[in-house]
Amino acid sequence: GDDDEVNPFPEHSDSNGMRNSFVNLKENWAIDETTFEQHQQEFDELGPKHGLLSGLQVRETLAASKLPTQVLRKLWDLADIDGDGNLDVMEFAVAKHLIFIAKTSEDGQTLPAELPPSLVPPSKRHLQYS
């Protein structure tokens, strides 16, 4: 309600605010809230450090999709939007969604050439065009 306007803490003041600002960030995002919450739970179970999972931590989860290695390599490149070699919870959700896209493609393993704009988390959109 109206309480939001009087909150003294700016939304983007720190990285830990991610969860709280998700409500505003997820507008126009292809991943719906219920799905995101499932991904977030899985992300947390993998033991992120400072809100990030390393490639090693995510590898088994992504490999469990049984997609070919070259597809998984591409999937990682698409999902690691800021290119830091780790996935935050938004990027992890994107990775999981890309597995779904690949598996539902005609041959069961095709990814888009680049991340569809609807899949780029709103908080990362500035990175796509910078």
Foldseek 3Di string as FASTA:
>chain_A
DVVVVVDPDDQPPDPVSCVVCLVVQLVLAPQDDVLLVVLVVVVVVLPDDPQKAACVSCVVVLCVLVADPVLLVVLLVQLVLLPPRIHGSLSSSLSVVQQVVQCPDPVRRDGDPHDDPNNDGSVCVVSVPD
